[in-house]
């Protein structure tokens, strides 16, 4: 059986409510980048790779859904996406992201319920490290699809426990209903190879129809 995560990571995985998740990330914000770097955090780079494969350079605006401290914000700009907005449940994380200066707007919101954006608001959406233990599940997919433009691309990373627990089946339902077209799926990988308790994840890309 995998070793249980310790410290900040273990605490957020064990959180029972969105309010608990937000508070724990608020307290983690100042050391998050350093700790995740030590853990070898891979989700942002994998998500960026899929996005650039399937979404044209210059597409705008994009939404970094679950942006945290803004690890992806600079990278998205560097590879040619000129307008990126950040969404996160944690005010502390968003404050850290704001100081980096790579986002055109910041939204203090939680995934999983209704979002205050118009239909077709974004040309693409990327969400890395969010669909995982104690965070967000397949219930967030419908709103992400609603706010993504037709022919837009959504890239997400998903922990395998969620994937096999109904997430993959929900994506298949959405594809069979003609709402999305599945584009890409990675092999499973350790999102944090420096953390021995890490359960494998995968990344998927799909187009909104």
N, C-alpha and C. Protein backbone atom coordinates (compact mmCIF):
# COMPACT_ATOMS: atom_id res chain seq x y z
N UNK A 1 0.86 -1.20 0.00
CA UNK A 1 0.00 0.00 0.00
C UNK A 1 0.89 1.25 0.00
N UNK A 2 0.57 2.27 -0.85
CA UNK A 2 1.40 3.46 -0.91
C UNK A 2 1.47 4.16 0.44
N UNK A 3 2.62 4.77 0.71
CA UNK A 3 2.78 5.54 1.92
C UNK A 3 1.88 6.78 1.88
N UNK A 4 1.28 7.10 3.00
CA UNK A 4 0.41 8.26 3.09
C UNK A 4 1.25 9.52 3.00
N UNK A 5 0.77 10.51 2.23
CA UNK A 5 1.48 11.78 2.13
C UNK A 5 1.48 12.49 3.47
N UNK A 6 2.56 13.23 3.72
CA UNK A 6 2.70 13.98 4.96
C UNK A 6 2.62 15.48 4.67
N UNK A 7 2.67 16.30 5.72
CA UNK A 7 2.77 17.74 5.59
C UNK A 7 1.59 18.37 4.87
N UNK A 8 1.88 19.45 4.14
CA UNK A 8 0.82 20.19 3.45
C UNK A 8 0.06 19.29 2.48
N UNK A 9 0.79 18.47 1.74
CA UNK A 9 0.15 17.64 0.72
C UNK A 9 -0.82 16.65 1.34
N UNK A 10 -0.39 16.00 2.40
CA UNK A 10 -1.29 15.07 3.08
C UNK A 10 -2.52 15.76 3.63
N UNK A 11 -2.33 16.97 4.15
CA UNK A 11 -3.45 17.71 4.72
C UNK A 11 -4.49 18.06 3.67
N UNK A 12 -4.05 18.53 2.50
CA UNK A 12 -5.04 18.93 1.49
C UNK A 12 -5.74 17.70 0.90
N UNK A 13 -5.04 16.58 0.80
CA UNK A 13 -5.69 15.37 0.31
C UNK A 13 -6.73 14.84 1.30
N UNK A 14 -6.51 15.11 2.58
CA UNK A 14 -7.43 14.65 3.61
C UNK A 14 -8.57 15.62 3.88
N UNK A 15 -8.56 16.79 3.25
CA UNK A 15 -9.58 17.81 3.51
C UNK A 15 -10.96 17.28 3.18
N UNK A 16 -11.94 17.68 3.99
CA UNK A 16 -13.30 17.17 3.84
C UNK A 16 -14.24 18.13 3.12
N UNK A 17 -13.94 19.42 3.11
CA UNK A 17 -14.84 20.40 2.50
C UNK A 17 -14.03 21.36 1.62
N UNK A 18 -14.68 22.03 0.67
CA UNK A 18 -13.98 23.05 -0.12
C UNK A 18 -13.39 24.15 0.74
N UNK A 19 -14.07 24.49 1.82
CA UNK A 19 -13.56 25.54 2.72
C UNK A 19 -12.25 25.08 3.36
N UNK A 20 -12.18 23.81 3.74
CA UNK A 20 -10.95 23.28 4.31
C UNK A 20 -9.82 23.31 3.28
N UNK A 21 -10.13 22.92 2.05
CA UNK A 21 -9.13 22.94 0.98
C UNK A 21 -8.59 24.35 0.80
N UNK A 22 -9.49 25.34 0.72
CA UNK A 22 -9.08 26.72 0.52
C UNK A 22 -8.17 27.20 1.64
N UNK A 23 -8.56 26.91 2.88
CA UNK A 23 -7.78 27.37 4.02
C UNK A 23 -6.39 26.72 4.04
N UNK A 24 -6.34 25.45 3.72
CA UNK A 24 -5.05 24.76 3.72
C UNK A 24 -4.13 25.30 2.62
N UNK A 25 -4.67 25.57 1.45
CA UNK A 25 -3.85 26.15 0.39
C UNK A 25 -3.43 27.57 0.72
N UNK A 26 -4.30 28.33 1.37
CA UNK A 26 -3.91 29.67 1.81
C UNK A 26 -2.65 29.61 2.66
N UNK A 27 -2.61 28.64 3.58
CA UNK A 27 -1.46 28.51 4.46
C UNK A 27 -0.22 27.95 3.80
N UNK A 28 -0.39 27.34 2.63
CA UNK A 28 0.70 26.70 1.91
C UNK A 28 1.31 27.62 0.86
N UNK A 29 0.65 28.71 0.53
CA UNK A 29 0.97 29.49 -0.67
C UNK A 29 2.44 29.92 -0.74
N UNK A 30 3.01 30.37 0.36
CA UNK A 30 4.35 30.95 0.31
C UNK A 30 5.44 29.91 0.05
N UNK A 31 5.21 28.67 0.44
CA UNK A 31 6.24 27.63 0.25
C UNK A 31 5.87 26.61 -0.83
N UNK A 32 4.71 26.77 -1.45
CA UNK A 32 4.20 25.79 -2.40
C UNK A 32 5.16 25.54 -3.56
N UNK A 33 5.64 26.60 -4.20
CA UNK A 33 6.49 26.43 -5.37
C UNK A 33 7.75 25.64 -5.03
N UNK A 34 8.37 25.97 -3.91
CA UNK A 34 9.60 25.28 -3.52
C UNK A 34 9.34 23.82 -3.22
N UNK A 35 8.27 23.54 -2.46
CA UNK A 35 7.98 22.16 -2.08
C UNK A 35 7.62 21.31 -3.29
N UNK A 36 6.86 21.87 -4.22
CA UNK A 36 6.49 21.10 -5.39
C UNK A 36 7.66 20.90 -6.33
N UNK A 37 8.57 21.85 -6.37
CA UNK A 37 9.78 21.67 -7.17
C UNK A 37 10.61 20.52 -6.63
N UNK A 38 10.75 20.44 -5.31
CA UNK A 38 11.49 19.34 -4.69
C UNK A 38 10.83 18.00 -5.01
N UNK A 39 9.49 17.99 -5.06
CA UNK A 39 8.74 16.77 -5.35
C UNK A 39 8.78 16.39 -6.82
N UNK A 40 9.33 17.27 -7.67
CA UNK A 40 9.41 16.99 -9.10
C UNK A 40 8.08 17.10 -9.81
N UNK A 41 7.27 18.06 -9.41
CA UNK A 41 5.88 18.18 -9.87
C UNK A 41 5.79 18.27 -11.40
N UNK A 42 5.04 17.34 -12.01
CA UNK A 42 5.01 17.21 -13.47
C UNK A 42 3.73 17.68 -14.14
N UNK A 43 2.63 17.80 -13.40
CA UNK A 43 1.35 18.09 -14.04
C UNK A 43 1.39 19.31 -14.96
N UNK A 44 1.94 20.45 -14.53
CA UNK A 44 1.90 21.62 -15.43
C UNK A 44 2.62 21.39 -16.75
N UNK A 45 3.78 20.75 -16.72
CA UNK A 45 4.51 20.54 -17.97
C UNK A 45 3.79 19.55 -18.89
N UNK A 46 3.20 18.51 -18.32
CA UNK A 46 2.44 17.56 -19.13
C UNK A 46 1.21 18.24 -19.73
N UNK A 47 0.49 19.00 -18.91
CA UNK A 47 -0.69 19.71 -19.41
C UNK A 47 -0.34 20.70 -20.51
N UNK A 48 0.77 21.42 -20.33
CA UNK A 48 1.20 22.38 -21.35
C UNK A 48 1.52 21.67 -22.65
N UNK A 49 2.16 20.52 -22.57
CA UNK A 49 2.51 19.77 -23.78
C UNK A 49 1.27 19.39 -24.57
N UNK A 50 0.24 18.90 -23.90
CA UNK A 50 -0.98 18.52 -24.60
C UNK A 50 -1.68 19.75 -25.18
N UNK A 51 -1.70 20.83 -24.42
CA UNK A 51 -2.38 22.03 -24.92
C UNK A 51 -1.74 22.54 -26.20
N UNK A 52 -0.42 22.63 -26.23
CA UNK A 52 0.25 23.14 -27.42
C UNK A 52 0.09 22.19 -28.61
N UNK A 53 -0.13 20.92 -28.34
CA UNK A 53 -0.33 19.96 -29.42
C UNK A 53 -1.67 20.15 -30.11
N UNK A 54 -2.68 20.61 -29.35
CA UNK A 54 -4.04 20.60 -29.89
C UNK A 54 -4.72 21.96 -29.99
N UNK A 55 -4.16 23.00 -29.40
CA UNK A 55 -4.76 24.33 -29.46
C UNK A 55 -3.80 25.28 -30.15
N UNK A 56 -4.29 25.96 -31.18
CA UNK A 56 -3.44 26.82 -32.00
C UNK A 56 -2.78 27.92 -31.17
N UNK A 57 -1.55 28.20 -31.49
CA UNK A 57 -0.82 29.32 -30.88
C UNK A 57 -1.61 30.60 -31.09
N UNK A 58 -1.71 31.43 -30.06
CA UNK A 58 -2.43 32.69 -30.16
C UNK A 58 -3.88 32.62 -29.76
N UNK A 59 -4.41 31.42 -29.54
CA UNK A 59 -5.81 31.30 -29.11
C UNK A 59 -6.01 32.06 -27.80
N UNK A 60 -7.13 32.76 -27.71
CA UNK A 60 -7.37 33.59 -26.53
C UNK A 60 -8.87 33.84 -26.38
N UNK A 61 -9.27 34.06 -25.13
CA UNK A 61 -8.50 33.92 -23.89
C UNK A 61 -8.49 32.46 -23.43
N UNK A 62 -7.54 32.16 -22.55
CA UNK A 62 -7.48 30.85 -21.92
C UNK A 62 -7.82 30.98 -20.44
N UNK A 63 -8.26 29.89 -19.84
CA UNK A 63 -8.50 29.84 -18.40
C UNK A 63 -7.61 28.76 -17.79
N UNK A 64 -6.82 29.16 -16.81
CA UNK A 64 -6.03 28.23 -16.00
C UNK A 64 -6.89 27.94 -14.78
N UNK A 65 -7.60 26.82 -14.82
CA UNK A 65 -8.62 26.50 -13.83
C UNK A 65 -8.01 25.66 -12.70
N UNK A 66 -7.79 26.30 -11.57
CA UNK A 66 -7.02 25.70 -10.49
C UNK A 66 -5.58 26.14 -10.62
N UNK A 67 -5.39 27.44 -10.82
CA UNK A 67 -4.08 27.99 -11.15
C UNK A 67 -3.08 27.93 -10.01
N UNK A 68 -3.56 27.85 -8.78
CA UNK A 68 -2.65 27.84 -7.66
C UNK A 68 -1.79 29.09 -7.63
N UNK A 69 -0.49 28.91 -7.47
CA UNK A 69 0.43 30.04 -7.42
C UNK A 69 0.82 30.53 -8.81
N UNK A 70 0.23 29.97 -9.84
CA UNK A 70 0.50 30.46 -11.20
C UNK A 70 1.68 29.82 -11.88
N UNK A 71 1.93 28.55 -11.60
CA UNK A 71 3.06 27.87 -12.23
C UNK A 71 2.98 27.88 -13.75
N UNK A 72 1.74 27.80 -14.28
CA UNK A 72 1.59 27.71 -15.74
C UNK A 72 1.48 29.06 -16.42
N UNK A 73 1.17 30.11 -15.66
CA UNK A 73 0.89 31.39 -16.29
C UNK A 73 2.01 31.90 -17.18
N UNK A 74 3.23 31.88 -16.66
CA UNK A 74 4.36 32.36 -17.45
C UNK A 74 4.60 31.46 -18.64
N UNK A 75 4.54 30.15 -18.44
CA UNK A 75 4.80 29.21 -19.52
C UNK A 75 3.83 29.39 -20.68
N UNK A 76 2.55 29.59 -20.36
CA UNK A 76 1.56 29.77 -21.41
C UNK A 76 1.87 31.01 -22.25
N UNK A 77 2.30 32.07 -21.61
CA UNK A 77 2.69 33.27 -22.35
C UNK A 77 3.91 33.04 -23.21
N UNK A 78 4.88 32.33 -22.66
CA UNK A 78 6.13 32.09 -23.39
C UNK A 78 5.91 31.30 -24.67
N UNK A 79 4.95 30.37 -24.66
CA UNK A 79 4.74 29.53 -25.85
C UNK A 79 3.69 30.10 -26.79
N UNK A 80 3.16 31.30 -26.50
CA UNK A 80 2.36 31.97 -27.50
C UNK A 80 0.88 32.14 -27.23
N UNK A 81 0.46 31.99 -25.98
CA UNK A 81 -0.94 32.27 -25.63
C UNK A 81 -0.98 33.60 -24.88
N UNK A 82 -1.47 34.66 -25.52
CA UNK A 82 -1.25 36.02 -25.03
C UNK A 82 -2.17 36.47 -23.90
N UNK A 83 -3.26 35.77 -23.66
CA UNK A 83 -4.21 36.22 -22.64
C UNK A 83 -4.70 35.02 -21.84
N UNK A 84 -4.29 34.96 -20.59
CA UNK A 84 -4.64 33.83 -19.72
C UNK A 84 -5.22 34.37 -18.42
N UNK A 85 -6.35 33.82 -18.01
CA UNK A 85 -6.97 34.17 -16.74
C UNK A 85 -6.78 33.02 -15.76
N UNK A 86 -6.73 33.35 -14.48
CA UNK A 86 -6.51 32.35 -13.43
C UNK A 86 -7.77 32.20 -12.58
N UNK A 87 -8.07 30.97 -12.21
CA UNK A 87 -9.16 30.66 -11.29
C UNK A 87 -8.60 29.75 -10.21
N UNK A 88 -8.92 30.05 -8.95
CA UNK A 88 -8.51 29.17 -7.88
C UNK A 88 -9.40 29.35 -6.66
N UNK A 89 -9.49 28.30 -5.86
CA UNK A 89 -10.30 28.31 -4.65
C UNK A 89 -9.62 29.07 -3.51
N UNK A 90 -8.31 29.26 -3.61
CA UNK A 90 -7.52 29.84 -2.53
C UNK A 90 -7.12 31.28 -2.82
N UNK A 91 -7.52 32.19 -1.95
CA UNK A 91 -7.11 33.59 -2.09
C UNK A 91 -5.60 33.73 -1.93
N UNK A 92 -5.01 32.95 -1.01
CA UNK A 92 -3.58 33.03 -0.81
C UNK A 92 -2.79 32.60 -2.03
N UNK A 93 -3.24 31.54 -2.67
CA UNK A 93 -2.58 31.09 -3.90
C UNK A 93 -2.73 32.13 -5.01
N UNK A 94 -3.91 32.68 -5.16
CA UNK A 94 -4.13 33.69 -6.20
C UNK A 94 -3.29 34.94 -5.95
N UNK A 95 -3.12 35.31 -4.68
CA UNK A 95 -2.28 36.47 -4.37
C UNK A 95 -0.84 36.22 -4.82
N UNK A 96 -0.36 35.00 -4.60
CA UNK A 96 0.99 34.65 -5.06
C UNK A 96 1.05 34.68 -6.59
N UNK A 97 0.02 34.16 -7.25
CA UNK A 97 -0.02 34.18 -8.71
C UNK A 97 -0.06 35.61 -9.23
N UNK A 98 -0.81 36.48 -8.56
CA UNK A 98 -0.94 37.87 -9.00
C UNK A 98 0.42 38.57 -8.99
N UNK A 99 1.24 38.28 -7.99
CA UNK A 99 2.55 38.93 -7.88
C UNK A 99 3.48 38.55 -9.03
N UNK A 100 3.22 37.42 -9.67
CA UNK A 100 4.05 37.01 -10.80
C UNK A 100 3.70 37.79 -12.07
N UNK A 101 2.49 38.32 -12.15
CA UNK A 101 2.13 39.23 -13.23
C UNK A 101 1.86 38.62 -14.59
N UNK A 102 1.48 37.35 -14.63
CA UNK A 102 1.30 36.69 -15.92
C UNK A 102 -0.16 36.48 -16.31
N UNK A 103 -1.11 36.89 -15.47
CA UNK A 103 -2.52 36.67 -15.75
C UNK A 103 -3.23 37.98 -16.02
N UNK A 104 -4.17 37.94 -16.97
CA UNK A 104 -4.94 39.14 -17.30
C UNK A 104 -6.11 39.36 -16.35
N UNK A 105 -6.52 38.32 -15.63
CA UNK A 105 -7.60 38.43 -14.64
C UNK A 105 -7.46 37.27 -13.67
N UNK A 106 -7.94 37.47 -12.44
CA UNK A 106 -7.92 36.42 -11.43
C UNK A 106 -9.31 36.27 -10.85
N UNK A 107 -9.73 35.01 -10.69
CA UNK A 107 -11.09 34.71 -10.22
C UNK A 107 -11.00 33.80 -8.99
N UNK A 108 -11.51 34.29 -7.87
CA UNK A 108 -11.52 33.49 -6.64
C UNK A 108 -12.79 32.66 -6.63
N UNK A 109 -12.69 31.44 -7.16
CA UNK A 109 -13.85 30.58 -7.35
C UNK A 109 -13.45 29.12 -7.16
N UNK A 110 -14.44 28.28 -6.89
CA UNK A 110 -14.23 26.84 -6.78
C UNK A 110 -14.85 26.13 -7.97
N UNK A 111 -14.17 25.11 -8.47
CA UNK A 111 -14.75 24.24 -9.48
C UNK A 111 -15.69 23.24 -8.82
N UNK A 112 -16.64 22.76 -9.59
CA UNK A 112 -17.56 21.75 -9.08
C UNK A 112 -19.00 22.22 -9.02
N UNK A 113 -19.20 23.53 -9.08
CA UNK A 113 -20.53 24.11 -9.10
C UNK A 113 -20.65 25.08 -10.26
N UNK A 114 -21.71 25.88 -10.24
CA UNK A 114 -21.93 26.86 -11.30
C UNK A 114 -20.83 27.92 -11.29
N UNK A 115 -20.39 28.32 -12.47
CA UNK A 115 -19.37 29.35 -12.61
C UNK A 115 -19.98 30.61 -13.24
N UNK A 116 -19.57 31.79 -12.81
CA UNK A 116 -20.19 33.04 -13.26
C UNK A 116 -19.62 33.57 -14.59
N UNK A 117 -19.47 32.69 -15.55
CA UNK A 117 -18.96 33.07 -16.86
C UNK A 117 -20.01 32.75 -17.92
N UNK A 118 -20.02 33.54 -18.98
CA UNK A 118 -20.97 33.30 -20.07
C UNK A 118 -20.57 32.04 -20.82
N UNK A 119 -21.51 31.49 -21.57
CA UNK A 119 -21.21 30.36 -22.44
C UNK A 119 -20.11 30.74 -23.42
N UNK A 120 -19.27 29.79 -23.76
CA UNK A 120 -18.25 29.96 -24.81
C UNK A 120 -17.24 31.07 -24.48
N UNK A 121 -16.97 31.29 -23.20
CA UNK A 121 -16.13 32.42 -22.79
C UNK A 121 -14.65 32.24 -23.14
N UNK A 122 -14.18 30.99 -23.20
CA UNK A 122 -12.75 30.75 -23.34
C UNK A 122 -12.43 29.88 -24.55
N UNK A 123 -11.32 30.23 -25.21
CA UNK A 123 -10.86 29.45 -26.37
C UNK A 123 -10.23 28.13 -25.94
N UNK A 124 -9.77 28.06 -24.72
CA UNK A 124 -9.18 26.84 -24.20
C UNK A 124 -9.11 26.91 -22.69
N UNK A 125 -9.08 25.74 -22.06
CA UNK A 125 -9.01 25.64 -20.61
C UNK A 125 -8.00 24.57 -20.26
N UNK A 126 -7.17 24.85 -19.28
CA UNK A 126 -6.24 23.86 -18.77
C UNK A 126 -6.42 23.76 -17.26
N UNK A 127 -6.47 22.55 -16.75
CA UNK A 127 -6.69 22.33 -15.32
C UNK A 127 -5.79 21.19 -14.87
N UNK A 128 -4.70 21.52 -14.19
CA UNK A 128 -3.73 20.51 -13.79
C UNK A 128 -3.67 20.41 -12.26
N UNK A 129 -3.66 19.20 -11.77
CA UNK A 129 -3.56 18.96 -10.35
C UNK A 129 -4.83 19.21 -9.57
N UNK A 130 -5.94 19.37 -10.26
CA UNK A 130 -7.21 19.70 -9.61
C UNK A 130 -8.10 18.48 -9.47
N UNK A 131 -8.16 17.65 -10.49
CA UNK A 131 -9.01 16.45 -10.46
C UNK A 131 -8.24 15.35 -9.74
N UNK A 132 -8.30 15.40 -8.41
CA UNK A 132 -7.48 14.54 -7.58
C UNK A 132 -8.14 14.31 -6.23
N UNK A 133 -7.49 13.56 -5.39
CA UNK A 133 -8.03 13.21 -4.08
C UNK A 133 -8.39 14.44 -3.26
N UNK A 134 -9.62 14.48 -2.75
CA UNK A 134 -10.05 15.55 -1.87
C UNK A 134 -10.31 16.88 -2.54
N UNK A 135 -10.29 16.91 -3.87
CA UNK A 135 -10.44 18.17 -4.57
C UNK A 135 -11.72 18.18 -5.42
N UNK A 136 -11.59 17.89 -6.70
CA UNK A 136 -12.70 18.02 -7.64
C UNK A 136 -12.83 16.74 -8.45
N UNK A 137 -14.07 16.35 -8.76
CA UNK A 137 -14.32 15.18 -9.57
C UNK A 137 -15.04 15.51 -10.86
N UNK A 138 -15.64 14.51 -11.46
CA UNK A 138 -16.27 14.66 -12.77
C UNK A 138 -17.44 15.64 -12.77
N UNK A 139 -17.95 15.99 -11.58
CA UNK A 139 -19.05 16.96 -11.51
C UNK A 139 -18.67 18.33 -12.06
N UNK A 140 -17.37 18.61 -12.18
CA UNK A 140 -16.93 19.91 -12.70
C UNK A 140 -16.87 19.97 -14.22
N UNK A 141 -16.99 18.84 -14.89
CA UNK A 141 -16.79 18.82 -16.33
C UNK A 141 -17.83 19.63 -17.10
N UNK A 142 -19.09 19.52 -16.72
CA UNK A 142 -20.14 20.18 -17.50
C UNK A 142 -19.96 21.70 -17.57
N UNK A 143 -19.58 22.30 -16.45
CA UNK A 143 -19.38 23.75 -16.46
C UNK A 143 -18.15 24.15 -17.27
N UNK A 144 -17.09 23.36 -17.19
CA UNK A 144 -15.93 23.68 -18.01
C UNK A 144 -16.27 23.60 -19.50
N UNK A 145 -17.05 22.60 -19.86
CA UNK A 145 -17.47 22.46 -21.26
C UNK A 145 -18.36 23.64 -21.66
N UNK A 146 -19.24 24.04 -20.80
CA UNK A 146 -20.16 25.16 -21.11
C UNK A 146 -19.40 26.45 -21.39
N UNK A 147 -18.38 26.73 -20.61
CA UNK A 147 -17.69 28.02 -20.75
C UNK A 147 -16.57 27.98 -21.78
N UNK A 148 -16.33 26.80 -22.38
CA UNK A 148 -15.32 26.70 -23.44
C UNK A 148 -16.00 26.81 -24.79
N UNK A 149 -15.41 27.58 -25.67
CA UNK A 149 -15.99 27.82 -26.99
C UNK A 149 -16.04 26.54 -27.81
N UNK A 150 -17.02 26.48 -28.71
CA UNK A 150 -17.07 25.38 -29.67
C UNK A 150 -15.76 25.33 -30.45
N UNK A 151 -15.21 24.17 -30.60
CA UNK A 151 -13.91 23.91 -31.22
C UNK A 151 -12.75 24.26 -30.30
N UNK A 152 -13.05 24.71 -29.07
CA UNK A 152 -12.01 24.95 -28.09
C UNK A 152 -11.51 23.65 -27.49
N UNK A 153 -10.38 23.73 -26.79
CA UNK A 153 -9.73 22.54 -26.24
C UNK A 153 -9.63 22.65 -24.73
N UNK A 154 -9.93 21.55 -24.06
CA UNK A 154 -9.77 21.46 -22.61
C UNK A 154 -8.75 20.36 -22.32
N UNK A 155 -7.79 20.69 -21.47
CA UNK A 155 -6.77 19.74 -21.04
C UNK A 155 -6.84 19.62 -19.53
N UNK A 156 -6.90 18.39 -19.03
CA UNK A 156 -6.97 18.16 -17.59
C UNK A 156 -6.06 17.00 -17.21
N UNK A 157 -5.59 17.03 -15.98
CA UNK A 157 -4.91 15.87 -15.41
C UNK A 157 -5.86 15.22 -14.41
N UNK A 158 -5.82 13.90 -14.34
CA UNK A 158 -6.77 13.16 -13.51
C UNK A 158 -6.03 12.05 -12.75
N UNK A 159 -6.20 12.01 -11.44
CA UNK A 159 -5.62 10.92 -10.65
C UNK A 159 -6.34 9.62 -10.98
N UNK A 160 -5.60 8.51 -11.02
CA UNK A 160 -6.15 7.24 -11.47
C UNK A 160 -7.31 6.73 -10.60
N UNK A 161 -7.30 7.05 -9.32
CA UNK A 161 -8.42 6.63 -8.48
C UNK A 161 -9.72 7.28 -8.93
N UNK A 162 -9.65 8.53 -9.41
CA UNK A 162 -10.83 9.18 -9.96
C UNK A 162 -11.16 8.61 -11.34
N UNK A 163 -10.11 8.40 -12.14
CA UNK A 163 -10.29 7.92 -13.51
C UNK A 163 -11.08 6.61 -13.55
N UNK A 164 -10.66 5.67 -12.72
CA UNK A 164 -11.32 4.37 -12.69
C UNK A 164 -12.59 4.37 -11.85
N UNK A 165 -12.80 5.45 -11.09
CA UNK A 165 -13.98 5.54 -10.23
C UNK A 165 -15.16 6.25 -10.86
N UNK A 166 -15.14 6.40 -12.18
CA UNK A 166 -16.27 7.00 -12.88
C UNK A 166 -15.92 8.14 -13.81
N UNK A 167 -14.71 8.67 -13.69
CA UNK A 167 -14.33 9.82 -14.52
C UNK A 167 -14.23 9.44 -15.99
N UNK A 168 -13.56 8.33 -16.27
CA UNK A 168 -13.43 7.88 -17.66
C UNK A 168 -14.79 7.59 -18.27
N UNK A 169 -15.65 6.98 -17.47
CA UNK A 169 -16.99 6.67 -17.97
C UNK A 169 -17.76 7.95 -18.29
N UNK A 170 -17.59 8.98 -17.48
CA UNK A 170 -18.29 10.25 -17.74
C UNK A 170 -17.78 10.91 -19.02
N UNK A 171 -16.48 10.86 -19.25
CA UNK A 171 -15.95 11.40 -20.50
C UNK A 171 -16.51 10.64 -21.70
N UNK A 172 -16.61 9.33 -21.58
CA UNK A 172 -17.19 8.54 -22.67
C UNK A 172 -18.65 8.93 -22.91
N UNK A 173 -19.40 9.16 -21.84
CA UNK A 173 -20.80 9.59 -21.98
C UNK A 173 -20.89 10.92 -22.73
N UNK A 174 -20.02 11.86 -22.37
CA UNK A 174 -20.03 13.17 -23.02
C UNK A 174 -19.64 13.05 -24.49
N UNK A 175 -18.69 12.17 -24.79
CA UNK A 175 -18.29 11.96 -26.18
C UNK A 175 -19.41 11.30 -26.97
N UNK A 176 -20.04 10.30 -26.40
CA UNK A 176 -21.14 9.60 -27.08
C UNK A 176 -22.35 10.51 -27.30
N UNK A 177 -22.50 11.51 -26.43
CA UNK A 177 -23.59 12.46 -26.57
C UNK A 177 -23.27 13.58 -27.56
N UNK A 178 -22.07 13.56 -28.13
CA UNK A 178 -21.69 14.57 -29.12
C UNK A 178 -21.33 15.91 -28.53
N UNK A 179 -20.98 15.95 -27.26
CA UNK A 179 -20.62 17.21 -26.62
C UNK A 179 -19.12 17.48 -26.68
N UNK A 180 -18.33 16.42 -26.73
CA UNK A 180 -16.88 16.56 -26.83
C UNK A 180 -16.34 15.51 -27.78
N UNK A 181 -15.12 15.74 -28.24
CA UNK A 181 -14.37 14.73 -29.00
C UNK A 181 -13.05 14.51 -28.27
N UNK A 182 -12.80 13.29 -27.86
CA UNK A 182 -11.56 12.97 -27.16
C UNK A 182 -10.40 13.04 -28.15
N UNK A 183 -9.34 13.77 -27.77
CA UNK A 183 -8.21 14.00 -28.66
C UNK A 183 -6.96 13.24 -28.27
N UNK A 184 -6.71 13.14 -26.97
CA UNK A 184 -5.41 12.63 -26.54
C UNK A 184 -5.51 12.12 -25.11
N UNK A 185 -4.70 11.15 -24.80
CA UNK A 185 -4.60 10.63 -23.44
C UNK A 185 -3.19 10.11 -23.23
N UNK A 186 -2.54 10.56 -22.19
CA UNK A 186 -1.19 10.11 -21.91
C UNK A 186 -1.21 8.74 -21.25
N UNK A 187 -0.07 8.11 -21.20
CA UNK A 187 0.12 6.97 -20.31
C UNK A 187 0.07 7.48 -18.87
N UNK A 188 -0.08 6.57 -17.92
CA UNK A 188 -0.06 6.98 -16.53
C UNK A 188 1.37 7.38 -16.13
N UNK A 189 1.45 8.31 -15.21
CA UNK A 189 2.75 8.81 -14.75
C UNK A 189 2.62 9.27 -13.30
N UNK A 190 3.76 9.34 -12.62
CA UNK A 190 3.79 9.87 -11.26
C UNK A 190 3.87 11.38 -11.34
N UNK A 191 2.86 12.06 -10.82
CA UNK A 191 2.86 13.53 -10.88
C UNK A 191 3.94 14.14 -10.00
N UNK A 192 4.33 13.44 -8.93
CA UNK A 192 5.37 13.92 -8.03
C UNK A 192 6.32 12.76 -7.73
N UNK A 193 7.28 12.49 -8.59
CA UNK A 193 8.16 11.34 -8.37
C UNK A 193 8.97 11.43 -7.09
N UNK A 194 9.12 12.63 -6.53
CA UNK A 194 9.82 12.78 -5.27
C UNK A 194 8.99 12.41 -4.05
N UNK A 195 7.71 12.12 -4.26
CA UNK A 195 6.81 11.71 -3.19
C UNK A 195 6.48 10.23 -3.39
N UNK A 196 6.96 9.37 -2.51
CA UNK A 196 6.81 7.94 -2.74
C UNK A 196 5.37 7.46 -2.63
N UNK A 197 4.49 8.25 -2.01
CA UNK A 197 3.10 7.84 -1.89
C UNK A 197 2.23 8.25 -3.05
N UNK A 198 2.81 8.80 -4.11
CA UNK A 198 2.03 9.36 -5.21
C UNK A 198 1.31 8.28 -6.01
N UNK A 199 0.01 8.42 -6.13
CA UNK A 199 -0.81 7.53 -6.97
C UNK A 199 -0.69 8.03 -8.41
N UNK A 200 -0.55 7.14 -9.39
CA UNK A 200 -0.40 7.58 -10.78
C UNK A 200 -1.58 8.43 -11.27
N UNK A 201 -1.28 9.27 -12.24
CA UNK A 201 -2.26 10.12 -12.90
C UNK A 201 -2.11 9.97 -14.39
N UNK A 202 -3.00 10.63 -15.12
CA UNK A 202 -2.88 10.74 -16.58
C UNK A 202 -3.40 12.10 -16.98
N UNK A 203 -3.09 12.52 -18.17
CA UNK A 203 -3.62 13.77 -18.72
C UNK A 203 -4.43 13.46 -19.96
N UNK A 204 -5.52 14.20 -20.15
CA UNK A 204 -6.37 14.01 -21.32
C UNK A 204 -6.67 15.36 -21.95
N UNK A 205 -6.90 15.34 -23.24
CA UNK A 205 -7.31 16.54 -23.99
C UNK A 205 -8.55 16.19 -24.77
N UNK A 206 -9.51 17.11 -24.79
CA UNK A 206 -10.69 16.92 -25.62
C UNK A 206 -11.17 18.24 -26.20
N UNK A 207 -11.83 18.14 -27.34
CA UNK A 207 -12.36 19.31 -28.03
C UNK A 207 -13.85 19.45 -27.74
N UNK A 208 -14.28 20.66 -27.52
CA UNK A 208 -15.70 20.94 -27.28
C UNK A 208 -16.41 21.06 -28.62
N UNK A 209 -17.53 20.40 -28.76
CA UNK A 209 -18.27 20.37 -30.03
C UNK A 209 -19.51 21.24 -29.96
